[in-house]
PDB file of N, CA and C in Angstrom:
ATOM      1  N   MET A   1       0.841  -1.173   0.000  1.00  0.00           N
ATOM      2  CA  MET A   1       0.000   0.000   0.000  1.00  0.00           C
ATOM      3  C   MET A   1       0.884   1.233   0.000  1.00  0.00           C
ATOM      4  N   PRO A   2       0.602   2.175  -0.854  1.00  0.00           N
ATOM      5  CA  PRO A   2       1.399   3.403  -0.882  1.00  0.00           C
ATOM      6  C   PRO A   2       0.928   4.364   0.200  1.00  0.00           C
ATOM      7  N   LEU A   3       1.479   4.261   1.376  1.00  0.00           N
ATOM      8  CA  LEU A   3       1.045   5.083   2.500  1.00  0.00           C
ATOM      9  C   LEU A   3       2.168   6.038   2.892  1.00  0.00           C
ATOM     10  N   ASN A   4       2.323   7.078   2.114  1.00  0.00           N
ATOM     11  CA  ASN A   4       3.406   8.032   2.339  1.00  0.00           C
ATOM     12  C   ASN A   4       3.055   9.070   3.395  1.00  0.00           C
ATOM     13  N   HIS A   5       1.770   9.286   3.624  1.00  0.00           N
ATOM     14  CA  HIS A   5       1.333  10.429   4.412  1.00  0.00           C
ATOM     15  C   HIS A   5       0.724  10.044   5.752  1.00  0.00           C
ATOM     16  N   PHE A   6       1.051   8.878   6.306  1.00  0.00           N
ATOM     17  CA  PHE A   6       0.359   8.503   7.532  1.00  0.00           C
ATOM     18  C   PHE A   6       0.991   9.151   8.757  1.00  0.00           C
ATOM     19  N   ASN A   7       0.111   9.513   9.717  1.00  0.00           N
ATOM     20  CA  ASN A   7       0.529  10.190  10.939  1.00  0.00           C
ATOM     21  C   ASN A   7       0.665   9.234  12.116  1.00  0.00           C
ATOM     22  N   GLU A   8      -0.245   8.266  12.186  1.00  0.00           N
ATOM     23  CA  GLU A   8      -0.251   7.336  13.310  1.00  0.00           C
ATOM     24  C   GLU A   8      -0.251   5.901  12.794  1.00  0.00           C
ATOM     25  N   PHE A   9       0.410   5.043  13.546  1.00  0.00           N
ATOM     26  CA  PHE A   9       0.436   3.621  13.219  1.00  0.00           C
ATOM     27  C   PHE A   9       0.323   2.847  14.518  1.00  0.00           C
ATOM     28  N   GLY A  10      -0.568   1.867  14.537  1.00  0.00           N
ATOM     29  CA  GLY A  10      -0.717   1.043  15.728  1.00  0.00           C
ATOM     30  C   GLY A  10      -0.741  -0.424  15.353  1.00  0.00           C
ATOM     31  N   TYR A  11      -0.125  -1.258  16.192  1.00  0.00           N
ATOM     32  CA  TYR A  11      -0.102  -2.701  15.960  1.00  0.00           C
ATOM     33  C   TYR A  11      -0.261  -3.403  17.299  1.00  0.00           C
ATOM     34  N   LYS A  12      -1.265  -4.268  17.388  1.00  0.00           N
ATOM     35  CA  LYS A  12      -1.469  -5.062  18.591  1.00  0.00           C
ATOM     36  C   LYS A  12      -1.063  -6.491  18.273  1.00  0.00           C
ATOM     37  N   LYS A  13       0.017  -6.938  18.882  1.00  0.00           N
ATOM     38  CA  LYS A  13       0.628  -8.218  18.541  1.00  0.00           C
ATOM     39  C   LYS A  13      -0.276  -9.410  18.846  1.00  0.00           C
ATOM     40  N   THR A  14      -1.024  -9.366  19.936  1.00  0.00           N
ATOM     41  CA  THR A  14      -1.838 -10.525  20.324  1.00  0.00           C
ATOM     42  C   THR A  14      -2.976 -10.794  19.343  1.00  0.00           C
ATOM     43  N   THR A  15      -3.587  -9.738  18.808  1.00  0.00           N
ATOM     44  CA  THR A  15      -4.704  -9.912  17.870  1.00  0.00           C
ATOM     45  C   THR A  15      -4.295  -9.698  16.421  1.00  0.00           C
ATOM     46  N   ARG A  16      -3.055  -9.248  16.200  1.00  0.00           N
ATOM     47  CA  ARG A  16      -2.538  -8.923  14.860  1.00  0.00           C
ATOM     48  C   ARG A  16      -3.349  -7.815  14.193  1.00  0.00           C
ATOM     49  N   PHE A  17      -3.798  -6.856  14.984  1.00  0.00           N
ATOM     50  CA  PHE A  17      -4.575  -5.719  14.480  1.00  0.00           C
ATOM     51  C   PHE A  17      -3.624  -4.598  14.089  1.00  0.00           C
ATOM     52  N   ILE A  18      -3.865  -4.003  12.919  1.00  0.00           N
ATOM     53  CA  ILE A  18      -3.088  -2.853  12.456  1.00  0.00           C
ATOM     54  C   ILE A  18      -4.048  -1.706  12.196  1.00  0.00           C
ATOM     55  N   GLY A  19      -3.694  -0.521  12.680  1.00  0.00           N
ATOM     56  CA  GLY A  19      -4.477   0.681  12.418  1.00  0.00           C
ATOM     57  C   GLY A  19      -3.569   1.796  11.930  1.00  0.00           C
ATOM     58  N   LEU A  20      -3.993   2.491  10.881  1.00  0.00           N
ATOM     59  CA  LEU A  20      -3.228   3.606  10.317  1.00  0.00           C
ATOM     60  C   LEU A  20      -4.120   4.829  10.218  1.00  0.00           C
ATOM     61  N   LYS A  21      -3.570   6.002  10.515  1.00  0.00           N
ATOM     62  CA  LYS A  21      -4.294   7.254  10.302  1.00  0.00           C
ATOM     63  C   LYS A  21      -3.437   8.135   9.408  1.00  0.00           C
ATOM     64  N   GLN A  22      -4.076   8.682   8.375  1.00  0.00           N
ATOM     65  CA  GLN A  22      -3.392   9.570   7.438  1.00  0.00           C
ATOM     66  C   GLN A  22      -3.928  10.988   7.606  1.00  0.00           C
ATOM     67  N   GLU A  23      -3.243  11.935   6.975  1.00  0.00           N
ATOM     68  CA  GLU A  23      -3.689  13.324   6.995  1.00  0.00           C
ATOM     69  C   GLU A  23      -5.067  13.458   6.359  1.00  0.00           C
ATOM     70  N   LYS A  24      -5.262  12.794   5.238  1.00  0.00           N
ATOM     71  CA  LYS A  24      -6.532  12.822   4.506  1.00  0.00           C
ATOM     72  C   LYS A  24      -6.581  11.595   3.598  1.00  0.00           C
ATOM     73  N   ALA A  25      -7.715  11.383   2.957  1.00  0.00           N
ATOM     74  CA  ALA A  25      -7.854  10.262   2.017  1.00  0.00           C
ATOM     75  C   ALA A  25      -7.071  10.563   0.739  1.00  0.00           C
ATOM     76  N   PHE A  26      -6.505   9.516   0.134  1.00  0.00           N
ATOM     77  CA  PHE A  26      -5.739   9.672  -1.098  1.00  0.00           C
ATOM     78  C   PHE A  26      -6.229   8.687  -2.142  1.00  0.00           C
ATOM     79  N   LYS A  27      -6.105   9.085  -3.398  1.00  0.00           N
ATOM     80  CA  LYS A  27      -6.432   8.203  -4.514  1.00  0.00           C
ATOM     81  C   LYS A  27      -5.171   8.002  -5.344  1.00  0.00           C
ATOM     82  N   TYR A  28      -4.941   6.754  -5.744  1.00  0.00           N
ATOM     83  CA  TYR A  28      -3.789   6.421  -6.564  1.00  0.00           C
ATOM     84  C   TYR A  28      -4.252   5.687  -7.808  1.00  0.00           C
ATOM     85  N   LEU A  29      -3.540   5.908  -8.893  1.00  0.00           N
ATOM     86  CA  LEU A  29      -3.843   5.238 -10.149  1.00  0.00           C
ATOM     87  C   LEU A  29      -2.718   4.253 -10.450  1.00  0.00           C
ATOM     88  N   PHE A  30      -3.043   2.973 -10.405  1.00  0.00           N
ATOM     89  CA  PHE A  30      -2.110   1.928 -10.815  1.00  0.00           C
ATOM     90  C   PHE A  30      -2.309   1.703 -12.308  1.00  0.00           C
ATOM     91  N   LYS A  31      -1.234   1.474 -13.037  1.00  0.00           N
ATOM     92  CA  LYS A  31      -1.335   1.294 -14.489  1.00  0.00           C
ATOM     93  C   LYS A  31      -2.232   0.122 -14.858  1.00  0.00           C
ATOM     94  N   LYS A  32      -2.093  -1.000 -14.179  1.00  0.00           N
ATOM     95  CA  LYS A  32      -2.848  -2.195 -14.546  1.00  0.00           C
ATOM     96  C   LYS A  32      -4.093  -2.415 -13.693  1.00  0.00           C
ATOM     97  N   LEU A  33      -4.104  -1.929 -12.460  1.00  0.00           N
ATOM     98  CA  LEU A  33      -5.245  -2.140 -11.564  1.00  0.00           C
ATOM     99  C   LEU A  33      -6.322  -1.082 -11.707  1.00  0.00           C
ATOM    100  N   GLY A  34      -5.918   0.131 -11.984  1.00  0.00           N
ATOM    101  CA  GLY A  34      -6.875   1.222 -12.061  1.00  0.00           C
ATOM    102  C   GLY A  34      -6.816   2.086 -10.812  1.00  0.00           C
ATOM    103  N   LEU A  35      -7.903   2.806 -10.558  1.00  0.00           N
ATOM    104  CA  LEU A  35      -7.963   3.774  -9.472  1.00  0.00           C
ATOM    105  C   LEU A  35      -8.240   3.085  -8.139  1.00  0.00           C
ATOM    106  N   THR A  36      -7.465   3.453  -7.111  1.00  0.00           N
ATOM    107  CA  THR A  36      -7.620   2.899  -5.772  1.00  0.00           C
ATOM    108  C   THR A  36      -7.649   4.038  -4.775  1.00  0.00           C
ATOM    109  N   SER A  37      -8.542   3.951  -3.792  1.00  0.00           N
ATOM    110  CA  SER A  37      -8.697   4.988  -2.781  1.00  0.00           C
ATOM    111  C   SER A  37      -8.288   4.449  -1.417  1.00  0.00           C
ATOM    112  N   TYR A  38      -7.490   5.226  -0.699  1.00  0.00           N
ATOM    113  CA  TYR A  38      -7.072   4.891   0.658  1.00  0.00           C
ATOM    114  C   TYR A  38      -7.643   5.951   1.581  1.00  0.00           C
ATOM    115  N   GLY A  39      -8.519   5.561   2.505  1.00  0.00           N
ATOM    116  CA  GLY A  39      -9.191   6.488   3.401  1.00  0.00           C
ATOM    117  C   GLY A  39      -8.258   7.072   4.447  1.00  0.00           C
ATOM    118  N   ALA A  40      -8.796   8.021   5.225  1.00  0.00           N
ATOM    119  CA  ALA A  40      -8.012   8.653   6.281  1.00  0.00           C
ATOM    120  C   ALA A  40      -7.676   7.658   7.391  1.00  0.00           C
ATOM    121  N   GLU A  41      -8.536   6.661   7.595  1.00  0.00           N
ATOM    122  CA  GLU A  41      -8.272   5.604   8.573  1.00  0.00           C
ATOM    123  C   GLU A  41      -8.344   4.245   7.884  1.00  0.00           C
ATOM    124  N   ILE A  42      -7.332   3.433   8.093  1.00  0.00           N
ATOM    125  CA  ILE A  42      -7.276   2.090   7.513  1.00  0.00           C
ATOM    126  C   ILE A  42      -7.009   1.113   8.651  1.00  0.00           C
ATOM    127  N   THR A  43      -7.824   0.065   8.724  1.00  0.00           N
ATOM    128  CA  THR A  43      -7.631  -0.963   9.746  1.00  0.00           C
ATOM    129  C   THR A  43      -7.674  -2.340   9.096  1.00  0.00           C
ATOM    130  N   THR A  44      -6.995  -3.286   9.714  1.00  0.00           N
ATOM    131  CA  THR A  44      -6.994  -4.661   9.206  1.00  0.00           C
ATOM    132  C   THR A  44      -6.475  -5.621  10.271  1.00  0.00           C
ATOM    133  N   LEU A  45      -6.792  -6.868  10.090  1.00  0.00           N
ATOM    134  CA  LEU A  45      -6.188  -7.955  10.858  1.00  0.00           C
ATOM    135  C   LEU A  45      -5.248  -8.680   9.910  1.00  0.00           C
ATOM    136  N   THR A  46      -4.064  -9.015  10.385  1.00  0.00           N
ATOM    137  CA  THR A  46      -3.086  -9.648   9.509  1.00  0.00           C
ATOM    138  C   THR A  46      -3.006 -11.145   9.778  1.00  0.00           C
ATOM    139  N   GLY A  47      -2.614 -11.864   8.749  1.00  0.00           N
ATOM    140  CA  GLY A  47      -2.378 -13.300   8.849  1.00  0.00           C
ATOM    141  C   GLY A  47      -1.179 -13.633   7.989  1.00  0.00           C
ATOM    142  N   ASP A  48      -0.971 -14.887   7.707  1.00  0.00           N
ATOM    143  CA  ASP A  48       0.128 -15.289   6.840  1.00  0.00           C
ATOM    144  C   ASP A  48      -0.196 -14.881   5.408  1.00  0.00           C
ATOM    145  N   CYS A  49       0.510 -13.884   4.895  1.00  0.00           N
ATOM    146  CA  CYS A  49       0.307 -13.363   3.535  1.00  0.00           C
ATOM    147  C   CYS A  49      -1.142 -12.941   3.307  1.00  0.00           C
ATOM    148  N   GLN A  50      -1.792 -12.381   4.339  1.00  0.00           N
ATOM    149  CA  GLN A  50      -3.208 -12.057   4.216  1.00  0.00           C
ATOM    150  C   GLN A  50      -3.566 -10.835   5.056  1.00  0.00           C
ATOM    151  N   LEU A  51      -4.457 -10.007   4.509  1.00  0.00           N
ATOM    152  CA  LEU A  51      -5.092  -8.916   5.241  1.00  0.00           C
ATOM    153  C   LEU A  51      -6.569  -9.257   5.329  1.00  0.00           C
ATOM    154  N   LYS A  52      -7.096  -9.375   6.559  1.00  0.00           N
ATOM    155  CA  LYS A  52      -8.493  -9.756   6.749  1.00  0.00           C
ATOM    156  C   LYS A  52      -9.255  -8.585   7.363  1.00  0.00           C
ATOM    157  N   ARG A  53     -10.528  -8.484   7.041  1.00  0.00           N
ATOM    158  CA  ARG A  53     -11.407  -7.430   7.566  1.00  0.00           C
ATOM    159  C   ARG A  53     -10.819  -6.042   7.320  1.00  0.00           C
ATOM    160  N   LEU A  54     -10.340  -5.836   6.140  1.00  0.00           N
ATOM    161  CA  LEU A  54      -9.730  -4.579   5.738  1.00  0.00           C
ATOM    162  C   LEU A  54     -10.791  -3.489   5.635  1.00  0.00           C
ATOM    163  N   THR A  55     -10.528  -2.319   6.205  1.00  0.00           N
ATOM    164  CA  THR A  55     -11.433  -1.177   6.062  1.00  0.00           C
ATOM    165  C   THR A  55     -10.635   0.020   5.558  1.00  0.00           C
ATOM    166  N   GLY A  56     -11.296   0.903   4.822  1.00  0.00           N
ATOM    167  CA  GLY A  56     -10.665   2.134   4.363  1.00  0.00           C
ATOM    168  C   GLY A  56     -10.011   2.062   2.998  1.00  0.00           C
ATOM    169  N   VAL A  57     -10.091   0.924   2.312  1.00  0.00           N
ATOM    170  CA  VAL A  57      -9.477   0.776   0.988  1.00  0.00           C
ATOM    171  C   VAL A  57     -10.558   0.402  -0.018  1.00  0.00           C
ATOM    172  N   LYS A  58     -10.619   1.177  -1.119  1.00  0.00           N
ATOM    173  CA  LYS A  58     -11.609   0.925  -2.164  1.00  0.00           C
ATOM    174  C   LYS A  58     -10.926   0.875  -3.519  1.00  0.00           C
ATOM    175  N   SER A  59     -11.547   0.154  -4.437  1.00  0.00           N
ATOM    176  CA  SER A  59     -11.061   0.057  -5.803  1.00  0.00           C
ATOM    177  C   SER A  59     -12.206   0.402  -6.743  1.00  0.00           C
ATOM    178  N   LYS A  60     -11.892   1.081  -7.822  1.00  0.00           N
ATOM    179  CA  LYS A  60     -12.938   1.474  -8.764  1.00  0.00           C
ATOM    180  C   LYS A  60     -13.001   0.471  -9.904  1.00  0.00           C
ATOM    181  N   GLU A  61     -14.150  -0.176 -10.038  1.00  0.00           N
ATOM    182  CA  GLU A  61     -14.394  -1.154 -11.098  1.00  0.00           C
ATOM    183  C   GLU A  61     -15.642  -0.739 -11.858  1.00  0.00           C
ATOM    184  N   MET A  62     -15.534  -0.548 -13.144  1.00  0.00           N
ATOM    185  CA  MET A  62     -16.667  -0.191 -14.003  1.00  0.00           C
ATOM    186  C   MET A  62     -17.494   0.957 -13.408  1.00  0.00           C
ATOM    187  N   MET A  63     -16.839   2.030 -13.025  1.00  0.00           N
ATOM    188  CA  MET A  63     -17.451   3.259 -12.520  1.00  0.00           C
ATOM    189  C   MET A  63     -18.118   3.093 -11.156  1.00  0.00           C
ATOM    190  N   ILE A  64     -17.846   2.016 -10.435  1.00  0.00           N
ATOM    191  CA  ILE A  64     -18.407   1.785  -9.106  1.00  0.00           C
ATOM    192  C   ILE A  64     -17.257   1.568  -8.123  1.00  0.00           C
ATOM    193  N   TRP A  65     -17.316   2.255  -6.981  1.00  0.00           N
ATOM    194  CA  TRP A  65     -16.318   2.052  -5.943  1.00  0.00           C
ATOM    195  C   TRP A  65     -16.670   0.796  -5.157  1.00  0.00           C
ATOM    196  N   ILE A  66     -15.729  -0.130  -5.062  1.00  0.00           N
ATOM    197  CA  ILE A  66     -15.923  -1.389  -4.350  1.00  0.00           C
ATOM    198  C   ILE A  66     -14.967  -1.421  -3.161  1.00  0.00           C
ATOM    199  N   THR A  67     -15.520  -1.641  -1.968  1.00  0.00           N
ATOM    200  CA  THR A  67     -14.710  -1.717  -0.761  1.00  0.00           C
ATOM    201  C   THR A  67     -14.038  -3.083  -0.680  1.00  0.00           C
ATOM    202  N   LEU A  68     -12.718  -3.063  -0.524  1.00  0.00           N
ATOM    203  CA  LEU A  68     -11.978  -4.319  -0.376  1.00  0.00           C
ATOM    204  C   LEU A  68     -12.098  -4.806   1.061  1.00  0.00           C
ATOM    205  N   PHE A  69     -12.217  -6.108   1.246  1.00  0.00           N
ATOM    206  CA  PHE A  69     -12.388  -6.686   2.574  1.00  0.00           C
ATOM    207  C   PHE A  69     -11.268  -7.663   2.919  1.00  0.00           C
ATOM    208  N   ASP A  70     -10.834  -8.445   1.964  1.00  0.00           N
ATOM    209  CA  ASP A  70      -9.749  -9.405   2.172  1.00  0.00           C
ATOM    210  C   ASP A  70      -8.733  -9.292   1.045  1.00  0.00           C
ATOM    211  N   VAL A  71      -7.468  -9.371   1.398  1.00  0.00           N
ATOM    212  CA  VAL A  71      -6.381  -9.413   0.420  1.00  0.00           C
ATOM    213  C   VAL A  71      -5.510 -10.605   0.801  1.00  0.00           C
ATOM    214  N   PHE A  72      -5.232 -11.460  -0.166  1.00  0.00           N
ATOM    215  CA  PHE A  72      -4.474 -12.682   0.087  1.00  0.00           C
ATOM    216  C   PHE A  72      -3.435 -12.858  -1.007  1.00  0.00           C
ATOM    217  N   MET A  73      -2.202 -13.207  -0.625  1.00  0.00           N
ATOM    218  CA  MET A  73      -1.152 -13.461  -1.602  1.00  0.00           C
ATOM    219  C   MET A  73      -0.828 -14.949  -1.605  1.00  0.00           C
ATOM    220  N   ASP A  74      -0.957 -15.572  -2.759  1.00  0.00           N
ATOM    221  CA  ASP A  74      -0.637 -16.988  -2.907  1.00  0.00           C
ATOM    222  C   ASP A  74       0.775 -17.107  -3.461  1.00  0.00           C
ATOM    223  N   ASP A  75       1.719 -17.388  -2.579  1.00  0.00           N
ATOM    224  CA  ASP A  75       3.109 -17.499  -3.022  1.00  0.00           C
ATOM    225  C   ASP A  75       3.529 -18.945  -3.247  1.00  0.00           C
ATOM    226  N   THR A  76       2.555 -19.869  -3.253  1.00  0.00           N
ATOM    227  CA  THR A  76       2.884 -21.273  -3.512  1.00  0.00           C
ATOM    228  C   THR A  76       2.965 -21.569  -4.999  1.00  0.00           C
ATOM    229  N   LYS A  77       2.353 -20.721  -5.809  1.00  0.00           N
ATOM    230  CA  LYS A  77       2.358 -20.932  -7.258  1.00  0.00           C
ATOM    231  C   LYS A  77       3.306 -19.952  -7.927  1.00  0.00           C
ATOM    232  N   VAL A  78       3.752 -20.320  -9.106  1.00  0.00           N
ATOM    233  CA  VAL A  78       4.580 -19.414  -9.902  1.00  0.00           C
ATOM    234  C   VAL A  78       3.841 -19.172 -11.196  1.00  0.00           C
ATOM    235  N   PRO A  79       3.564 -17.965 -11.605  1.00  0.00           N
ATOM    236  CA  PRO A  79       3.866 -16.709 -10.930  1.00  0.00           C
ATOM    237  C   PRO A  79       2.937 -16.472  -9.737  1.00  0.00           C
ATOM    238  N   ARG A  80       3.428 -15.681  -8.776  1.00  0.00           N
ATOM    239  CA  ARG A  80       2.650 -15.387  -7.572  1.00  0.00           C
ATOM    240  C   ARG A  80       1.469 -14.482  -7.910  1.00  0.00           C
ATOM    241  N   LYS A  81       0.363 -14.669  -7.190  1.00  0.00           N
ATOM    242  CA  LYS A  81      -0.835 -13.875  -7.435  1.00  0.00           C
ATOM    243  C   LYS A  81      -1.366 -13.279  -6.145  1.00  0.00           C
ATOM    244  N   ASN A  82      -1.991 -12.103  -6.266  1.00  0.00           N
ATOM    245  CA  ASN A  82      -2.721 -11.472  -5.176  1.00  0.00           C
ATOM    246  C   ASN A  82      -4.202 -11.612  -5.460  1.00  0.00           C
ATOM    247  N   TYR A  83      -4.973 -11.945  -4.441  1.00  0.00           N
ATOM    248  CA  TYR A  83      -6.422 -12.078  -4.558  1.00  0.00           C
ATOM    249  C   TYR A  83      -7.073 -10.982  -3.725  1.00  0.00           C
ATOM    250  N   PHE A  84      -8.016 -10.277  -4.319  1.00  0.00           N
ATOM    251  CA  PHE A  84      -8.739  -9.207  -3.652  1.00  0.00           C
ATOM    252  C   PHE A  84     -10.209  -9.597  -3.602  1.00  0.00           C
ATOM    253  N   ALA A  85     -10.838  -9.484  -2.425  1.00  0.00           N
ATOM    254  CA  ALA A  85     -12.245  -9.862  -2.278  1.00  0.00           C
ATOM    255  C   ALA A  85     -13.001  -8.757  -1.555  1.00  0.00           C
ATOM    256  N   ASN A  86     -14.316  -8.655  -1.853  1.00  0.00           N
ATOM    257  CA  ASN A  86     -15.154  -7.685  -1.156  1.00  0.00           C
ATOM    258  C   ASN A  86     -16.061  -8.411  -0.174  1.00  0.00           C
ATOM    259  N   LEU A  87     -16.934  -7.663   0.488  1.00  0.00           N
ATOM    260  CA  LEU A  87     -17.819  -8.245   1.503  1.00  0.00           C
ATOM    261  C   LEU A  87     -18.785  -9.280   0.945  1.00  0.00           C
ATOM    262  N   MET A  88     -19.171  -9.137  -0.310  1.00  0.00           N
ATOM    263  CA  MET A  88     -20.134 -10.062  -0.907  1.00  0.00           C
ATOM    264  C   MET A  88     -19.472 -11.348  -1.398  1.00  0.00           C
ATOM    265  N   GLY A  89     -18.162 -11.443  -1.276  1.00  0.00           N
ATOM    266  CA  GLY A  89     -17.464 -12.651  -1.677  1.00  0.00           C
ATOM    267  C   GLY A  89     -16.946 -12.631  -3.099  1.00  0.00           C
ATOM    268  N   LEU A  90     -17.211 -11.560  -3.835  1.00  0.00           N
ATOM    269  CA  LEU A  90     -16.671 -11.444  -5.189  1.00  0.00           C
ATOM    270  C   LEU A  90     -15.177 -11.179  -5.090  1.00  0.00           C
ATOM    271  N   SER A  91     -14.403 -11.833  -5.927  1.00  0.00           N
ATOM    272  CA  SER A  91     -12.960 -11.650  -5.853  1.00  0.00           C
ATOM    273  C   SER A  91     -12.351 -11.585  -7.242  1.00  0.00           C
ATOM    274  N   GLN A  92     -11.138 -11.058  -7.271  1.00  0.00           N
ATOM    275  CA  GLN A  92     -10.391 -10.960  -8.511  1.00  0.00           C
ATOM    276  C   GLN A  92      -8.924 -11.169  -8.170  1.00  0.00           C
ATOM    277  N   SER A  93      -8.186 -11.780  -9.081  1.00  0.00           N
ATOM    278  CA  SER A  93      -6.769 -12.018  -8.827  1.00  0.00           C
ATOM    279  C   SER A  93      -5.924 -11.293  -9.861  1.00  0.00           C
ATOM    280  N   TYR A  94      -4.747 -10.874  -9.418  1.00  0.00           N
ATOM    281  CA  TYR A  94      -3.775 -10.203 -10.275  1.00  0.00           C
ATOM    282  C   TYR A  94      -2.403 -10.774  -9.955  1.00  0.00           C
ATOM    283  N   LEU A  95      -1.508 -10.713 -10.910  1.00  0.00           N
ATOM    284  CA  LEU A  95      -0.124 -11.084 -10.651  1.00  0.00           C
ATOM    285  C   LEU A  95       0.455 -10.117  -9.627  1.00  0.00           C
ATOM    286  N   THR A  96       1.348 -10.598  -8.785  1.00  0.00           N
ATOM    287  CA  THR A  96       1.953  -9.756  -7.760  1.00  0.00           C
ATOM    288  C   THR A  96       2.692  -8.575  -8.377  1.00  0.00           C
ATOM    289  N   THR A  97       3.260  -8.747  -9.547  1.00  0.00           N
ATOM    290  CA  THR A  97       3.982  -7.653 -10.204  1.00  0.00           C
ATOM    291  C   THR A  97       3.047  -6.509 -10.591  1.00  0.00           C
ATOM    292  N   THR A  98       1.753  -6.761 -10.677  1.00  0.00           N
ATOM    293  CA  THR A  98       0.786  -5.724 -11.040  1.00  0.00           C
ATOM    294  C   THR A  98       0.733  -4.623  -9.995  1.00  0.00           C
ATOM    295  N   VAL A  99       0.802  -4.978  -8.727  1.00  0.00           N
ATOM    296  CA  VAL A  99       0.722  -3.973  -7.667  1.00  0.00           C
ATOM    297  C   VAL A  99       2.086  -3.391  -7.310  1.00  0.00           C
ATOM    298  N   GLU A 100       3.123  -3.860  -7.945  1.00  0.00           N
ATOM    299  CA  GLU A 100       4.462  -3.338  -7.704  1.00  0.00           C
ATOM    300  C   GLU A 100       4.857  -2.275  -8.718  1.00  0.00           C
ATOM    301  N   ASP A 101       3.955  -1.947  -9.652  1.00  0.00           N
ATOM    302  CA  ASP A 101       4.307  -1.006 -10.713  1.00  0.00           C
ATOM    303  C   ASP A 101       4.302   0.438 -10.213  1.00  0.00           C
ATOM    304  N   GLU A 102       4.722   1.339 -11.089  1.00  0.00           N
ATOM    305  CA  GLU A 102       4.716   2.763 -10.778  1.00  0.00           C
ATOM    306  C   GLU A 102       3.280   3.215 -10.573  1.00  0.00           C
ATOM    307  N   LEU A 103       3.053   4.033  -9.550  1.00  0.00           N
ATOM    308  CA  LEU A 103       1.712   4.537  -9.333  1.00  0.00           C
ATOM    309  C   LEU A 103       1.723   6.050  -9.336  1.00  0.00           C
ATOM    310  N   LYS A 104       0.560   6.614  -9.599  1.00  0.00           N
ATOM    311  CA  LYS A 104       0.436   8.052  -9.734  1.00  0.00           C
ATOM    312  C   LYS A 104      -0.636   8.533  -8.771  1.00  0.00           C
ATOM    313  N   GLU A 105      -0.287   9.522  -7.932  1.00  0.00           N
ATOM    314  CA  GLU A 105      -1.263  10.060  -6.985  1.00  0.00           C
ATOM    315  C   GLU A 105      -2.226  10.981  -7.717  1.00  0.00           C
ATOM    316  N   MET A 106      -3.510  10.789  -7.480  1.00  0.00           N
ATOM    317  CA  MET A 106      -4.545  11.616  -8.097  1.00  0.00           C
ATOM    318  C   MET A 106      -4.919  12.728  -7.126  1.00  0.00           C
ATOM    319  N   LYS A 107      -5.164  13.888  -7.628  1.00  0.00           N
ATOM    320  CA  LYS A 107      -5.562  15.034  -6.788  1.00  0.00           C
ATOM    321  C   LYS A 107      -7.054  15.156  -6.717  1.00  0.00           C
TER     322      LYS A 107
END
């Protein structure tokens, strides 16, 4: 996640909870993924190569903002893939190199 502007960071080791606070919400344009929004507050529970119950992150698909809920990286296969899912269980996968590309901050 491109989080250049965060002010606060919290991590609770026993529950694996992560909380981030930024100055304001930001939108980034990935070349292959499209437009992604990161809210002023982002929270998640972490697991092995996984972000669960993610809040504050949205992706724009076909002119609709979709809130991401789970992010999972499958590093057992080659090439490695990232899986993104929303609350309704709809998911999409991308190669890991897709999210490593140059990104552009939108104003």
